[in-house]
Amino acid sequence: MFATVATIQPDGSPQLSVTWLMRDGDDLLISTTEGRRKEQNLRRDPRITVMINPPDAPYTYAEVRGTAELTTEGGQELINELSRKYTGKDYRDFNPASVDDATRVVVRVSPRKVVGSI
């Protein structure tokens, strides 16, 4: 299931992106690369909201509000694990055009509040 991630732009407006994710205990893990808007926004302001909405149940959702910690440690391993979960392939095999020198970033979302509807 995909998730929509909301971060805060420098002007205070929201920035949304659809992403892969996985759980690690109570935390959520997301992968991105250095230099992307999502990464820049989170380094400046770690507040984040993640909306999980199953495609087969459009009125069911979970909204996770929290803060993000970013690290490059384990970045390549996470994108491969996510790619195998979502596509059944390592990331390089799924996306051969991926830039070899792009540094992968692990975004660890620590929930502050979870709301939803089932």
PDB file of N, CA and C in Angstrom:
ATOM      1  N   MET A   1       0.841  -1.157   0.000  1.00  0.00           N
ATOM      2  CA  MET A   1       0.000   0.000   0.000  1.00  0.00           C
ATOM      3  C   MET A   1       0.898   1.235   0.000  1.00  0.00           C
ATOM      4  N   PHE A   2       0.572   2.174  -0.843  1.00  0.00           N
ATOM      5  CA  PHE A   2       1.339   3.409  -0.948  1.00  0.00           C
ATOM      6  C   PHE A   2       0.897   4.380   0.142  1.00  0.00           C
ATOM      7  N   ALA A   3       1.725   5.372   0.381  1.00  0.00           N
ATOM      8  CA  ALA A   3       1.402   6.411   1.347  1.00  0.00           C
ATOM      9  C   ALA A   3       1.642   7.768   0.705  1.00  0.00           C
ATOM     10  N   THR A   4       0.920   8.767   1.178  1.00  0.00           N
ATOM     11  CA  THR A   4       1.163  10.145   0.764  1.00  0.00           C
ATOM     12  C   THR A   4       1.812  10.855   1.931  1.00  0.00           C
ATOM     13  N   VAL A   5       2.953  11.493   1.647  1.00  0.00           N
ATOM     14  CA  VAL A   5       3.736  12.173   2.667  1.00  0.00           C
ATOM     15  C   VAL A   5       3.599  13.676   2.468  1.00  0.00           C
ATOM     16  N   ALA A   6       3.318  14.389   3.552  1.00  0.00           N
ATOM     17  CA  ALA A   6       3.225  15.848   3.513  1.00  0.00           C
ATOM     18  C   ALA A   6       4.367  16.443   4.326  1.00  0.00           C
ATOM     19  N   THR A   7       5.108  17.353   3.689  1.00  0.00           N
ATOM     20  CA  THR A   7       6.156  18.122   4.368  1.00  0.00           C
ATOM     21  C   THR A   7       5.831  19.601   4.180  1.00  0.00           C
ATOM     22  N   ILE A   8       6.614  20.457   4.815  1.00  0.00           N
ATOM     23  CA  ILE A   8       6.336  21.885   4.804  1.00  0.00           C
ATOM     24  C   ILE A   8       7.393  22.614   3.972  1.00  0.00           C
ATOM     25  N   GLN A   9       6.926  23.330   2.962  1.00  0.00           N
ATOM     26  CA  GLN A   9       7.798  24.109   2.086  1.00  0.00           C
ATOM     27  C   GLN A   9       8.367  25.321   2.844  1.00  0.00           C
ATOM     28  N   PRO A  10       9.435  25.928   2.315  1.00  0.00           N
ATOM     29  CA  PRO A  10       9.996  27.126   2.965  1.00  0.00           C
ATOM     30  C   PRO A  10       8.980  28.252   3.162  1.00  0.00           C
ATOM     31  N   ASP A  11       7.988  28.362   2.262  1.00  0.00           N
ATOM     32  CA  ASP A  11       6.986  29.429   2.392  1.00  0.00           C
ATOM     33  C   ASP A  11       5.809  29.018   3.287  1.00  0.00           C
ATOM     34  N   GLY A  12       5.875  27.812   3.879  1.00  0.00           N
ATOM     35  CA  GLY A  12       4.826  27.334   4.776  1.00  0.00           C
ATOM     36  C   GLY A  12       3.746  26.520   4.112  1.00  0.00           C
ATOM     37  N   SER A  13       3.770  26.437   2.790  1.00  0.00           N
ATOM     38  CA  SER A  13       2.757  25.650   2.086  1.00  0.00           C
ATOM     39  C   SER A  13       3.109  24.166   2.148  1.00  0.00           C
ATOM     40  N   PRO A  14       2.108  23.290   1.974  1.00  0.00           N
ATOM     41  CA  PRO A  14       2.377  21.856   2.014  1.00  0.00           C
ATOM     42  C   PRO A  14       2.998  21.359   0.715  1.00  0.00           C
ATOM     43  N   GLN A  15       3.800  20.323   0.837  1.00  0.00           N
ATOM     44  CA  GLN A  15       4.363  19.611  -0.316  1.00  0.00           C
ATOM     45  C   GLN A  15       4.003  18.148  -0.110  1.00  0.00           C
ATOM     46  N   LEU A  16       3.386  17.524  -1.117  1.00  0.00           N
ATOM     47  CA  LEU A  16       2.936  16.136  -1.014  1.00  0.00           C
ATOM     48  C   LEU A  16       3.685  15.257  -1.996  1.00  0.00           C
ATOM     49  N   SER A  17       3.940  14.030  -1.585  1.00  0.00           N
ATOM     50  CA  SER A  17       4.517  13.057  -2.510  1.00  0.00           C
ATOM     51  C   SER A  17       4.043  11.664  -2.126  1.00  0.00           C
ATOM     52  N   VAL A  18       3.828  10.843  -3.136  1.00  0.00           N
ATOM     53  CA  VAL A  18       3.442   9.447  -2.930  1.00  0.00           C
ATOM     54  C   VAL A  18       4.722   8.644  -2.776  1.00  0.00           C
ATOM     55  N   THR A  19       4.727   7.719  -1.813  1.00  0.00           N
ATOM     56  CA  THR A  19       5.952   6.993  -1.521  1.00  0.00           C
ATOM     57  C   THR A  19       5.659   5.583  -1.024  1.00  0.00           C
ATOM     58  N   TRP A  20       6.702   4.773  -1.056  1.00  0.00           N
ATOM     59  CA  TRP A  20       6.669   3.453  -0.422  1.00  0.00           C
ATOM     60  C   TRP A  20       6.981   3.650   1.054  1.00  0.00           C
ATOM     61  N   LEU A  21       6.497   2.725   1.900  1.00  0.00           N
ATOM     62  CA  LEU A  21       6.855   2.797   3.300  1.00  0.00           C
ATOM     63  C   LEU A  21       6.777   1.440   3.953  1.00  0.00           C
ATOM     64  N   MET A  22       7.405   1.355   5.119  1.00  0.00           N
ATOM     65  CA  MET A  22       7.331   0.152   5.943  1.00  0.00           C
ATOM     66  C   MET A  22       7.367   0.560   7.407  1.00  0.00           C
ATOM     67  N   ARG A  23       6.948  -0.356   8.266  1.00  0.00           N
ATOM     68  CA  ARG A  23       6.964  -0.118   9.717  1.00  0.00           C
ATOM     69  C   ARG A  23       8.218  -0.690  10.324  1.00  0.00           C
ATOM     70  N   ASP A  24       8.672  -0.030  11.373  1.00  0.00           N
ATOM     71  CA  ASP A  24       9.743  -0.534  12.231  1.00  0.00           C
ATOM     72  C   ASP A  24       9.284  -0.253  13.660  1.00  0.00           C
ATOM     73  N   GLY A  25       8.619  -1.225  14.258  1.00  0.00           N
ATOM     74  CA  GLY A  25       7.999  -0.994  15.560  1.00  0.00           C
ATOM     75  C   GLY A  25       6.871   0.015  15.395  1.00  0.00           C
ATOM     76  N   ASP A  26       6.907   1.080  16.185  1.00  0.00           N
ATOM     77  CA  ASP A  26       5.900   2.133  16.078  1.00  0.00           C
ATOM     78  C   ASP A  26       6.249   3.167  15.019  1.00  0.00           C
ATOM     79  N   ASP A  27       7.479   3.150  14.534  1.00  0.00           N
ATOM     80  CA  ASP A  27       7.941   4.134  13.550  1.00  0.00           C
ATOM     81  C   ASP A  27       7.629   3.683  12.129  1.00  0.00           C
ATOM     82  N   LEU A  28       7.589   4.661  11.227  1.00  0.00           N
ATOM     83  CA  LEU A  28       7.465   4.398   9.799  1.00  0.00           C
ATOM     84  C   LEU A  28       8.788   4.756   9.138  1.00  0.00           C
ATOM     85  N   LEU A  29       9.179   3.980   8.120  1.00  0.00           N
ATOM     86  CA  LEU A  29      10.399   4.235   7.373  1.00  0.00           C
ATOM     87  C   LEU A  29      10.060   4.552   5.929  1.00  0.00           C
ATOM     88  N   ILE A  30      10.676   5.618   5.428  1.00  0.00           N
ATOM     89  CA  ILE A  30      10.494   6.081   4.054  1.00  0.00           C
ATOM     90  C   ILE A  30      11.879   6.305   3.475  1.00  0.00           C
ATOM     91  N   SER A  31      12.028   6.095   2.182  1.00  0.00           N
ATOM     92  CA  SER A  31      13.308   6.327   1.516  1.00  0.00           C
ATOM     93  C   SER A  31      13.195   7.512   0.569  1.00  0.00           C
ATOM     94  N   THR A  32      14.250   8.299   0.507  1.00  0.00           N
ATOM     95  CA  THR A  32      14.355   9.380  -0.465  1.00  0.00           C
ATOM     96  C   THR A  32      15.837   9.552  -0.795  1.00  0.00           C
ATOM     97  N   THR A  33      16.159  10.558  -1.569  1.00  0.00           N
ATOM     98  CA  THR A  33      17.568  10.833  -1.869  1.00  0.00           C
ATOM     99  C   THR A  33      17.912  12.246  -1.443  1.00  0.00           C
ATOM    100  N   GLU A  34      19.204  12.463  -1.181  1.00  0.00           N
ATOM    101  CA  GLU A  34      19.666  13.801  -0.828  1.00  0.00           C
ATOM    102  C   GLU A  34      19.350  14.767  -1.964  1.00  0.00           C
ATOM    103  N   GLY A  35      18.898  15.954  -1.596  1.00  0.00           N
ATOM    104  CA  GLY A  35      18.629  16.984  -2.576  1.00  0.00           C
ATOM    105  C   GLY A  35      17.197  17.067  -3.048  1.00  0.00           C
ATOM    106  N   ARG A  36      16.405  16.035  -2.803  1.00  0.00           N
ATOM    107  CA  ARG A  36      14.992  16.103  -3.198  1.00  0.00           C
ATOM    108  C   ARG A  36      14.247  17.057  -2.277  1.00  0.00           C
ATOM    109  N   ARG A  37      13.161  17.604  -2.785  1.00  0.00           N
ATOM    110  CA  ARG A  37      12.385  18.589  -2.031  1.00  0.00           C
ATOM    111  C   ARG A  37      11.958  18.047  -0.676  1.00  0.00           C
ATOM    112  N   LYS A  38      11.477  16.806  -0.633  1.00  0.00           N
ATOM    113  CA  LYS A  38      11.033  16.194   0.621  1.00  0.00           C
ATOM    114  C   LYS A  38      12.171  16.186   1.638  1.00  0.00           C
ATOM    115  N   GLU A  39      13.355  15.799   1.206  1.00  0.00           N
ATOM    116  CA  GLU A  39      14.526  15.738   2.095  1.00  0.00           C
ATOM    117  C   GLU A  39      14.906  17.138   2.566  1.00  0.00           C
ATOM    118  N   GLN A  40      14.925  18.102   1.668  1.00  0.00           N
ATOM    119  CA  GLN A  40      15.269  19.480   2.039  1.00  0.00           C
ATOM    120  C   GLN A  40      14.265  20.045   3.045  1.00  0.00           C
ATOM    121  N   ASN A  41      12.982  19.804   2.779  1.00  0.00           N
ATOM    122  CA  ASN A  41      11.952  20.297   3.697  1.00  0.00           C
ATOM    123  C   ASN A  41      12.108  19.700   5.092  1.00  0.00           C
ATOM    124  N   LEU A  42      12.368  18.394   5.169  1.00  0.00           N
ATOM    125  CA  LEU A  42      12.469  17.729   6.466  1.00  0.00           C
ATOM    126  C   LEU A  42      13.726  18.121   7.225  1.00  0.00           C
ATOM    127  N   ARG A  43      14.802  18.428   6.536  1.00  0.00           N
ATOM    128  CA  ARG A  43      16.016  18.899   7.231  1.00  0.00           C
ATOM    129  C   ARG A  43      15.770  20.283   7.841  1.00  0.00           C
ATOM    130  N   ARG A  44      14.963  21.089   7.184  1.00  0.00           N
ATOM    131  CA  ARG A  44      14.661  22.423   7.674  1.00  0.00           C
ATOM    132  C   ARG A  44      13.595  22.381   8.775  1.00  0.00           C
ATOM    133  N   ASP A  45      12.584  21.514   8.591  1.00  0.00           N
ATOM    134  CA  ASP A  45      11.454  21.429   9.524  1.00  0.00           C
ATOM    135  C   ASP A  45      11.024  19.960   9.566  1.00  0.00           C
ATOM    136  N   PRO A  46      11.305  19.250  10.650  1.00  0.00           N
ATOM    137  CA  PRO A  46      11.070  17.794  10.690  1.00  0.00           C
ATOM    138  C   PRO A  46       9.616  17.363  10.864  1.00  0.00           C
ATOM    139  N   ARG A  47       8.689  18.301  10.900  1.00  0.00           N
ATOM    140  CA  ARG A  47       7.279  17.909  11.022  1.00  0.00           C
ATOM    141  C   ARG A  47       6.823  17.243   9.732  1.00  0.00           C
ATOM    142  N   ILE A  48       6.069  16.142   9.892  1.00  0.00           N
ATOM    143  CA  ILE A  48       5.649  15.345   8.737  1.00  0.00           C
ATOM    144  C   ILE A  48       4.300  14.712   9.041  1.00  0.00           C
ATOM    145  N   THR A  49       3.509  14.525   7.986  1.00  0.00           N
ATOM    146  CA  THR A  49       2.267  13.765   8.078  1.00  0.00           C
ATOM    147  C   THR A  49       2.295  12.706   6.990  1.00  0.00           C
ATOM    148  N   VAL A  50       1.909  11.490   7.364  1.00  0.00           N
ATOM    149  CA  VAL A  50       1.844  10.375   6.427  1.00  0.00           C
ATOM    150  C   VAL A  50       0.401   9.895   6.392  1.00  0.00           C
ATOM    151  N   MET A  51      -0.170   9.847   5.190  1.00  0.00           N
ATOM    152  CA  MET A  51      -1.546   9.365   5.005  1.00  0.00           C
ATOM    153  C   MET A  51      -1.486   8.018   4.300  1.00  0.00           C
ATOM    154  N   ILE A  52      -2.057   7.014   4.941  1.00  0.00           N
ATOM    155  CA  ILE A  52      -2.117   5.671   4.371  1.00  0.00           C
ATOM    156  C   ILE A  52      -3.577   5.403   4.034  1.00  0.00           C
ATOM    157  N   ASN A  53      -3.812   5.059   2.763  1.00  0.00           N
ATOM    158  CA  ASN A  53      -5.174   4.917   2.264  1.00  0.00           C
ATOM    159  C   ASN A  53      -5.220   3.729   1.312  1.00  0.00           C
ATOM    160  N   PRO A  54      -5.771   2.581   1.740  1.00  0.00           N
ATOM    161  CA  PRO A  54      -5.796   1.408   0.868  1.00  0.00           C
ATOM    162  C   PRO A  54      -6.603   1.661  -0.406  1.00  0.00           C
ATOM    163  N   PRO A  55      -6.084   1.246  -1.565  1.00  0.00           N
ATOM    164  CA  PRO A  55      -6.789   1.493  -2.820  1.00  0.00           C
ATOM    165  C   PRO A  55      -8.135   0.778  -2.911  1.00  0.00           C
ATOM    166  N   ASP A  56      -8.281  -0.333  -2.198  1.00  0.00           N
ATOM    167  CA  ASP A  56      -9.532  -1.085  -2.272  1.00  0.00           C
ATOM    168  C   ASP A  56     -10.563  -0.631  -1.222  1.00  0.00           C
ATOM    169  N   ALA A  57     -10.189   0.344  -0.390  1.00  0.00           N
ATOM    170  CA  ALA A  57     -11.104   0.855   0.638  1.00  0.00           C
ATOM    171  C   ALA A  57     -10.903   2.373   0.737  1.00  0.00           C
ATOM    172  N   PRO A  58     -11.424   3.125  -0.223  1.00  0.00           N
ATOM    173  CA  PRO A  58     -11.112   4.556  -0.313  1.00  0.00           C
ATOM    174  C   PRO A  58     -11.554   5.406   0.877  1.00  0.00           C
ATOM    175  N   TYR A  59     -12.466   4.921   1.704  1.00  0.00           N
ATOM    176  CA  TYR A  59     -12.905   5.706   2.852  1.00  0.00           C
ATOM    177  C   TYR A  59     -12.224   5.274   4.144  1.00  0.00           C
ATOM    178  N   THR A  60     -11.269   4.372   4.026  1.00  0.00           N
ATOM    179  CA  THR A  60     -10.494   3.916   5.161  1.00  0.00           C
ATOM    180  C   THR A  60      -9.122   4.571   5.082  1.00  0.00           C
ATOM    181  N   TYR A  61      -8.653   5.102   6.187  1.00  0.00           N
ATOM    182  CA  TYR A  61      -7.339   5.742   6.159  1.00  0.00           C
ATOM    183  C   TYR A  61      -6.738   5.802   7.556  1.00  0.00           C
ATOM    184  N   ALA A  62      -5.447   5.999   7.586  1.00  0.00           N
ATOM    185  CA  ALA A  62      -4.726   6.318   8.815  1.00  0.00           C
ATOM    186  C   ALA A  62      -3.857   7.523   8.510  1.00  0.00           C
ATOM    187  N   GLU A  63      -3.928   8.510   9.370  1.00  0.00           N
ATOM    188  CA  GLU A  63      -3.093   9.697   9.251  1.00  0.00           C
ATOM    189  C   GLU A  63      -2.132   9.693  10.430  1.00  0.00           C
ATOM    190  N   VAL A  64      -0.837   9.676  10.122  1.00  0.00           N
ATOM    191  CA  VAL A  64       0.204   9.645  11.145  1.00  0.00           C
ATOM    192  C   VAL A  64       0.910  10.993  11.136  1.00  0.00           C
ATOM    193  N   ARG A  65       0.787  11.724  12.227  1.00  0.00           N
ATOM    194  CA  ARG A  65       1.472  13.013  12.370  1.00  0.00           C
ATOM    195  C   ARG A  65       2.647  12.820  13.304  1.00  0.00           C
ATOM    196  N   GLY A  66       3.790  13.380  12.924  1.00  0.00           N
ATOM    197  CA  GLY A  66       4.944  13.200  13.778  1.00  0.00           C
ATOM    198  C   GLY A  66       6.138  14.006  13.331  1.00  0.00           C
ATOM    199  N   THR A  67       7.299  13.530  13.739  1.00  0.00           N
ATOM    200  CA  THR A  67       8.557  14.172  13.369  1.00  0.00           C
ATOM    201  C   THR A  67       9.449  13.152  12.686  1.00  0.00           C
ATOM    202  N   ALA A  68      10.325  13.667  11.841  1.00  0.00           N
ATOM    203  CA  ALA A  68      11.206  12.811  11.053  1.00  0.00           C
ATOM    204  C   ALA A  68      12.657  12.986  11.494  1.00  0.00           C
ATOM    205  N   GLU A  69      13.357  11.873  11.539  1.00  0.00           N
ATOM    206  CA  GLU A  69      14.815  11.876  11.700  1.00  0.00           C
ATOM    207  C   GLU A  69      15.381  11.343  10.404  1.00  0.00           C
ATOM    208  N   LEU A  70      16.430  11.982   9.896  1.00  0.00           N
ATOM    209  CA  LEU A  70      17.034  11.581   8.631  1.00  0.00           C
ATOM    210  C   LEU A  70      18.452  11.083   8.856  1.00  0.00           C
ATOM    211  N   THR A  71      18.783  10.009   8.148  1.00  0.00           N
ATOM    212  CA  THR A  71      20.139   9.474   8.188  1.00  0.00           C
ATOM    213  C   THR A  71      20.430   8.803   6.856  1.00  0.00           C
ATOM    214  N   THR A  72      21.692   8.770   6.481  1.00  0.00           N
ATOM    215  CA  THR A  72      22.085   8.038   5.276  1.00  0.00           C
ATOM    216  C   THR A  72      22.466   6.600   5.625  1.00  0.00           C
ATOM    217  N   GLU A  73      22.647   6.325   6.901  1.00  0.00           N
ATOM    218  CA  GLU A  73      23.011   4.972   7.324  1.00  0.00           C
ATOM    219  C   GLU A  73      21.869   4.007   7.014  1.00  0.00           C
ATOM    220  N   GLY A  74      22.156   2.961   6.249  1.00  0.00           N
ATOM    221  CA  GLY A  74      21.152   1.975   5.870  1.00  0.00           C
ATOM    222  C   GLY A  74      20.264   2.403   4.716  1.00  0.00           C
ATOM    223  N   GLY A  75      20.602   3.511   4.067  1.00  0.00           N
ATOM    224  CA  GLY A  75      19.761   4.043   3.000  1.00  0.00           C
ATOM    225  C   GLY A  75      19.608   3.107   1.813  1.00  0.00           C
ATOM    226  N   GLN A  76      20.700   2.540   1.349  1.00  0.00           N
ATOM    227  CA  GLN A  76      20.637   1.638   0.193  1.00  0.00           C
ATOM    228  C   GLN A  76      19.907   0.346   0.548  1.00  0.00           C
ATOM    229  N   GLU A  77      20.113  -0.137   1.760  1.00  0.00           N
ATOM    230  CA  GLU A  77      19.428  -1.355   2.193  1.00  0.00           C
ATOM    231  C   GLU A  77      17.912  -1.131   2.269  1.00  0.00           C
ATOM    232  N   LEU A  78      17.513   0.045   2.767  1.00  0.00           N
ATOM    233  CA  LEU A  78      16.079   0.325   2.880  1.00  0.00           C
ATOM    234  C   LEU A  78      15.416   0.403   1.508  1.00  0.00           C
ATOM    235  N   ILE A  79      16.027   1.104   0.554  1.00  0.00           N
ATOM    236  CA  ILE A  79      15.377   1.216  -0.759  1.00  0.00           C
ATOM    237  C   ILE A  79      15.275  -0.153  -1.430  1.00  0.00           C
ATOM    238  N   ASN A  80      16.254  -1.018  -1.217  1.00  0.00           N
ATOM    239  CA  ASN A  80      16.167  -2.366  -1.776  1.00  0.00           C
ATOM    240  C   ASN A  80      15.060  -3.174  -1.104  1.00  0.00           C
ATOM    241  N   GLU A  81      14.946  -3.043   0.214  1.00  0.00           N
ATOM    242  CA  GLU A  81      13.894  -3.770   0.931  1.00  0.00           C
ATOM    243  C   GLU A  81      12.505  -3.282   0.506  1.00  0.00           C
ATOM    244  N   LEU A  82      12.358  -1.966   0.381  1.00  0.00           N
ATOM    245  CA  LEU A  82      11.080  -1.418  -0.072  1.00  0.00           C
ATOM    246  C   LEU A  82      10.769  -1.843  -1.503  1.00  0.00           C
ATOM    247  N   SER A  83      11.768  -1.810  -2.368  1.00  0.00           N
ATOM    248  CA  SER A  83      11.560  -2.198  -3.758  1.00  0.00           C
ATOM    249  C   SER A  83      11.142  -3.668  -3.862  1.00  0.00           C
ATOM    250  N   ARG A  84      11.770  -4.522  -3.077  1.00  0.00           N
ATOM    251  CA  ARG A  84      11.381  -5.939  -3.092  1.00  0.00           C
ATOM    252  C   ARG A  84       9.945  -6.107  -2.587  1.00  0.00           C
ATOM    253  N   LYS A  85       9.567  -5.322  -1.566  1.00  0.00           N
ATOM    254  CA  LYS A  85       8.204  -5.387  -1.022  1.00  0.00           C
ATOM    255  C   LYS A  85       7.174  -4.944  -2.066  1.00  0.00           C
ATOM    256  N   TYR A  86       7.452  -3.857  -2.775  1.00  0.00           N
ATOM    257  CA  TYR A  86       6.480  -3.276  -3.693  1.00  0.00           C
ATOM    258  C   TYR A  86       6.555  -3.822  -5.120  1.00  0.00           C
ATOM    259  N   THR A  87       7.745  -4.277  -5.559  1.00  0.00           N
ATOM    260  CA  THR A  87       7.891  -4.708  -6.956  1.00  0.00           C
ATOM    261  C   THR A  87       8.397  -6.134  -7.104  1.00  0.00           C
ATOM    262  N   GLY A  88       8.926  -6.703  -6.015  1.00  0.00           N
ATOM    263  CA  GLY A  88       9.500  -8.034  -6.100  1.00  0.00           C
ATOM    264  C   GLY A  88      10.922  -8.046  -6.649  1.00  0.00           C
ATOM    265  N   LYS A  89      11.518  -6.864  -6.845  1.00  0.00           N
ATOM    266  CA  LYS A  89      12.864  -6.759  -7.416  1.00  0.00           C
ATOM    267  C   LYS A  89      13.719  -5.813  -6.582  1.00  0.00           C
ATOM    268  N   ASP A  90      15.060  -6.004  -6.641  1.00  0.00           N
ATOM    269  CA  ASP A  90      15.951  -5.008  -6.078  1.00  0.00           C
ATOM    270  C   ASP A  90      15.728  -3.691  -6.805  1.00  0.00           C
ATOM    271  N   TYR A  91      16.025  -2.577  -6.155  1.00  0.00           N
ATOM    272  CA  TYR A  91      15.737  -1.264  -6.727  1.00  0.00           C
ATOM    273  C   TYR A  91      16.448  -1.044  -8.058  1.00  0.00           C
ATOM    274  N   ARG A  92      17.677  -1.450  -8.161  1.00  0.00           N
ATOM    275  CA  ARG A  92      18.429  -1.278  -9.413  1.00  0.00           C
ATOM    276  C   ARG A  92      17.759  -2.032 -10.561  1.00  0.00           C
ATOM    277  N   ASP A  93      17.201  -3.211 -10.278  1.00  0.00           N
ATOM    278  CA  ASP A  93      16.510  -3.984 -11.316  1.00  0.00           C
ATOM    279  C   ASP A  93      15.157  -3.360 -11.661  1.00  0.00           C
ATOM    280  N   PHE A  94      14.474  -2.794 -10.659  1.00  0.00           N
ATOM    281  CA  PHE A  94      13.192  -2.129 -10.892  1.00  0.00           C
ATOM    282  C   PHE A  94      13.385  -0.807 -11.626  1.00  0.00           C
ATOM    283  N   ASN A  95      14.429  -0.072 -11.261  1.00  0.00           N
ATOM    284  CA  ASN A  95      14.662   1.255 -11.822  1.00  0.00           C
ATOM    285  C   ASN A  95      16.105   1.361 -12.317  1.00  0.00           C
ATOM    286  N   PRO A  96      16.401   0.757 -13.473  1.00  0.00           N
ATOM    287  CA  PRO A  96      17.775   0.766 -13.982  1.00  0.00           C
ATOM    288  C   PRO A  96      18.318   2.171 -14.238  1.00  0.00           C
ATOM    289  N   ALA A  97      17.434   3.143 -14.390  1.00  0.00           N
ATOM    290  CA  ALA A  97      17.880   4.518 -14.641  1.00  0.00           C
ATOM    291  C   ALA A  97      18.272   5.241 -13.353  1.00  0.00           C
ATOM    292  N   SER A  98      18.129   4.557 -12.202  1.00  0.00           N
ATOM    293  CA  SER A  98      18.473   5.219 -10.941  1.00  0.00           C
ATOM    294  C   SER A  98      19.940   5.637 -10.954  1.00  0.00           C
ATOM    295  N   VAL A  99      20.190   6.787 -10.379  1.00  0.00           N
ATOM    296  CA  VAL A  99      21.538   7.345 -10.366  1.00  0.00           C
ATOM    297  C   VAL A  99      22.371   6.605  -9.328  1.00  0.00           C
ATOM    298  N   ASP A 100      23.501   6.045  -9.777  1.00  0.00           N
ATOM    299  CA  ASP A 100      24.351   5.282  -8.864  1.00  0.00           C
ATOM    300  C   ASP A 100      24.926   6.122  -7.739  1.00  0.00           C
ATOM    301  N   ASP A 101      25.202   7.404  -8.005  1.00  0.00           N
ATOM    302  CA  ASP A 101      25.854   8.208  -6.983  1.00  0.00           C
ATOM    303  C   ASP A 101      24.879   8.999  -6.116  1.00  0.00           C
ATOM    304  N   ALA A 102      23.569   8.817  -6.302  1.00  0.00           N
ATOM    305  CA  ALA A 102      22.580   9.498  -5.461  1.00  0.00           C
ATOM    306  C   ALA A 102      22.592   8.859  -4.072  1.00  0.00           C
ATOM    307  N   THR A 103      22.823   9.656  -3.067  1.00  0.00           N
ATOM    308  CA  THR A 103      22.874   9.152  -1.696  1.00  0.00           C
ATOM    309  C   THR A 103      21.461   8.943  -1.176  1.00  0.00           C
ATOM    310  N   ARG A 104      21.179   7.725  -0.764  1.00  0.00           N
ATOM    311  CA  ARG A 104      19.859   7.391  -0.241  1.00  0.00           C
ATOM    312  C   ARG A 104      19.753   7.837   1.211  1.00  0.00           C
ATOM    313  N   VAL A 105      18.567   8.295   1.578  1.00  0.00           N
ATOM    314  CA  VAL A 105      18.295   8.801   2.917  1.00  0.00           C
ATOM    315  C   VAL A 105      17.147   7.998   3.514  1.00  0.00           C
ATOM    316  N   VAL A 106      17.320   7.567   4.757  1.00  0.00           N
ATOM    317  CA  VAL A 106      16.255   6.914   5.518  1.00  0.00           C
ATOM    318  C   VAL A 106      15.528   7.997   6.309  1.00  0.00           C
ATOM    319  N   VAL A 107      14.222   8.079   6.118  1.00  0.00           N
ATOM    320  CA  VAL A 107      13.377   8.991   6.884  1.00  0.00           C
ATOM    321  C   VAL A 107      12.632   8.138   7.905  1.00  0.00           C
ATOM    322  N   ARG A 108      12.947   8.343   9.181  1.00  0.00           N
ATOM    323  CA  ARG A 108      12.273   7.615  10.268  1.00  0.00           C
ATOM    324  C   ARG A 108      11.237   8.550  10.877  1.00  0.00           C
ATOM    325  N   VAL A 109       9.973   8.166  10.740  1.00  0.00           N
ATOM    326  CA  VAL A 109       8.866   8.976  11.245  1.00  0.00           C
ATOM    327  C   VAL A 109       8.449   8.431  12.611  1.00  0.00           C
ATOM    328  N   SER A 110       8.589   9.260  13.629  1.00  0.00           N
ATOM    329  CA  SER A 110       8.131   8.914  14.975  1.00  0.00           C
ATOM    330  C   SER A 110       6.766   9.551  15.194  1.00  0.00           C
ATOM    331  N   PRO A 111       5.733   8.726  15.334  1.00  0.00           N
ATOM    332  CA  PRO A 111       4.379   9.254  15.468  1.00  0.00           C
ATOM    333  C   PRO A 111       4.184  10.067  16.745  1.00  0.00           C
ATOM    334  N   ARG A 112       3.480  11.169  16.604  1.00  0.00           N
ATOM    335  CA  ARG A 112       3.054  11.990  17.731  1.00  0.00           C
ATOM    336  C   ARG A 112       1.541  11.788  17.945  1.00  0.00           C
ATOM    337  N   LYS A 113       0.829  11.643  16.795  1.00  0.00           N
ATOM    338  CA  LYS A 113      -0.619  11.434  16.843  1.00  0.00           C
ATOM    339  C   LYS A 113      -1.024  10.601  15.638  1.00  0.00           C
ATOM    340  N   VAL A 114      -1.948   9.672  15.867  1.00  0.00           N
ATOM    341  CA  VAL A 114      -2.493   8.847  14.785  1.00  0.00           C
ATOM    342  C   VAL A 114      -4.010   8.973  14.837  1.00  0.00           C
ATOM    343  N   VAL A 115      -4.591   9.319  13.688  1.00  0.00           N
ATOM    344  CA  VAL A 115      -6.040   9.399  13.569  1.00  0.00           C
ATOM    345  C   VAL A 115      -6.442   8.623  12.330  1.00  0.00           C
ATOM    346  N   GLY A 116      -7.712   8.258  12.250  1.00  0.00           N
ATOM    347  CA  GLY A 116      -8.139   7.527  11.063  1.00  0.00           C
ATOM    348  C   GLY A 116      -9.592   7.159  11.104  1.00  0.00           C
ATOM    349  N   SER A 117      -9.943   6.387  10.079  1.00  0.00           N
ATOM    350  CA  SER A 117     -11.316   5.937   9.926  1.00  0.00           C
ATOM    351  C   SER A 117     -11.286   4.536   9.338  1.00  0.00           C
ATOM    352  N   ILE A 118     -12.027   3.646   9.955  1.00  0.00           N
ATOM    353  CA  ILE A 118     -12.123   2.282   9.406  1.00  0.00           C
ATOM    354  C   ILE A 118     -13.554   1.926   9.086  1.00  0.00           C
TER     355      ILE A 118
END
